Structure formats: C-alpha cells, structure tokens
Protein backbone atom coordinates (compact mmCIF):
# COMPACT_ATOMS: atom_id res chain seq x y z
CA MET A 1 2.80 -0.34 30.87
CA LYS A 2 -0.52 0.45 31.55
CA GLU A 3 -2.86 0.62 27.86
CA GLN A 4 -6.53 2.40 27.74
CA ARG A 5 -9.08 2.38 25.75
CA LEU A 6 -11.03 5.25 24.94
CA SER A 7 -13.41 4.37 22.31
CA GLU A 8 -15.54 7.35 22.51
CA ILE A 9 -14.19 10.45 24.08
CA SER A 10 -14.82 10.30 28.05
CA SER A 11 -12.09 11.40 28.74
CA ALA A 12 -11.70 15.72 26.91
CA ARG A 13 -9.36 16.98 29.01
CA GLN A 14 -6.71 14.28 28.35
CA LEU A 15 -7.27 15.80 24.00
CA PRO A 16 -6.68 19.14 22.90
CA VAL A 17 -9.89 20.72 21.58
CA ALA A 18 -9.37 19.78 17.83
CA SER A 19 -8.69 16.55 18.19
CA ARG A 20 -12.23 15.60 20.10
CA ASP A 21 -13.38 13.62 17.47
CA ASP A 22 -15.83 10.87 16.74
CA ARG A 23 -14.91 9.56 13.75
CA TYR A 24 -11.53 8.08 15.99
CA GLU A 25 -10.94 6.01 18.52
CA TYR A 26 -8.47 6.29 20.64
CA LEU A 27 -5.75 4.00 22.39
CA THR A 28 -3.14 5.01 25.73
CA LEU A 29 -0.27 3.05 26.61
CA THR A 30 1.66 3.97 29.82
CA VAL A 31 4.78 4.00 30.22
CA ALA A 32 6.50 3.41 33.71
CA PRO A 33 9.66 4.70 34.45
CA ARG A 34 11.52 1.32 35.36
CA GLU A 35 10.29 -0.22 32.75
CA HIS A 36 12.61 0.14 29.43
CA ILE A 37 12.26 2.02 26.22
CA ALA A 38 12.78 -0.30 23.19
CA ASP A 39 9.96 -2.42 24.78
CA ALA A 40 7.60 0.45 25.33
CA ARG A 41 8.44 1.19 21.16
CA ALA A 42 8.03 -2.52 20.60
CA ARG A 43 4.80 -2.06 21.50
CA VAL A 44 3.74 1.06 20.52
CA ARG A 45 5.35 -1.12 16.49
CA GLU A 46 2.70 -3.84 17.68
CA HIS A 47 -0.13 -0.91 17.65
CA ALA A 48 0.67 0.68 14.18
CA GLU A 49 1.06 -1.74 12.80
CA TYR A 50 -1.00 -5.30 12.99
CA GLY A 51 -3.63 -3.35 14.85
CA LYS A 52 -3.65 0.15 12.36
CA TRP A 53 -3.44 2.17 14.94
CA GLU A 54 -1.36 5.82 14.70
CA LEU A 55 0.55 7.68 16.47
CA MET A 56 -1.05 11.33 17.88
CA ARG A 57 0.76 12.75 21.12
CA SER A 58 4.06 11.21 22.76
CA ALA A 59 4.93 12.63 25.95
CA VAL A 60 7.25 11.97 28.77
CA LEU A 61 5.63 12.57 32.55
CA TYR A 62 7.34 13.80 35.85
CA GLY A 63 9.37 10.90 37.24
CA GLY A 64 10.04 9.77 34.31
CA ALA A 65 6.96 7.73 32.77
CA ARG A 66 5.82 7.83 29.89
CA ARG A 67 2.27 8.07 27.57
CA TYR A 68 2.02 7.14 24.26
CA VAL A 69 -1.99 8.44 22.70
CA MET A 70 -2.21 6.25 19.50
CA ARG A 71 -5.82 6.76 17.04
CA ARG A 72 -7.93 5.11 14.53
CA ARG A 73 -10.67 5.55 12.13
CA ILE A 74 -13.70 4.08 12.82
CA ILE A 75 -15.40 3.17 10.29
CA ARG A 76 -19.03 2.89 9.76
CA VAL A 77 -21.39 0.58 7.71
CA SER A 78 -24.64 1.93 6.58
CA ARG A 79 -27.09 -0.91 5.61
CA THR A 80 -27.43 -1.33 1.63
CA PHE A 81 -30.43 -2.81 1.26
C-alpha cells in the first residue's frame, strides 16, 4: 500500500474543481490489486479514527488497483497577543 500526503494541492488535476480548497490537506492511499481488501479497509479505518481523516473519494482503477482520497481540515491558530 502506498501513501501520498498532499498538504497543498500540488496535484490539482486529481481533485475536482469544488475540492480545490486550502482549508483541507489530502492523503492518497493506493492499494495494489494483489493486496487484500480487508487490509485496505483497516488502513482507511485507522486513518479516519486516529488521524481525523474523512474519506472523500474511492475508486477502482484499471487492473484492479484501488485509490482512496482522504481529507482533513487544517486548523490554523491565530495569535492572541
């Protein structure tokens, strides 16, 4: 399983126009066809539960590979003094 974290929209061609937003950071999980689907589900569930990621899109690619795009809101802290 391959993970790619996109903190800024460096690959904007993969995301729809409505999703090009600087309020979120993105994580792409790519699962090879030879890997078990249960392992992929467990990885997505762990990211969602412990990393506060939400599943934005899932796709089955040609050849049987799967791609999961997850996002989470960036919390920006402003100075108080």
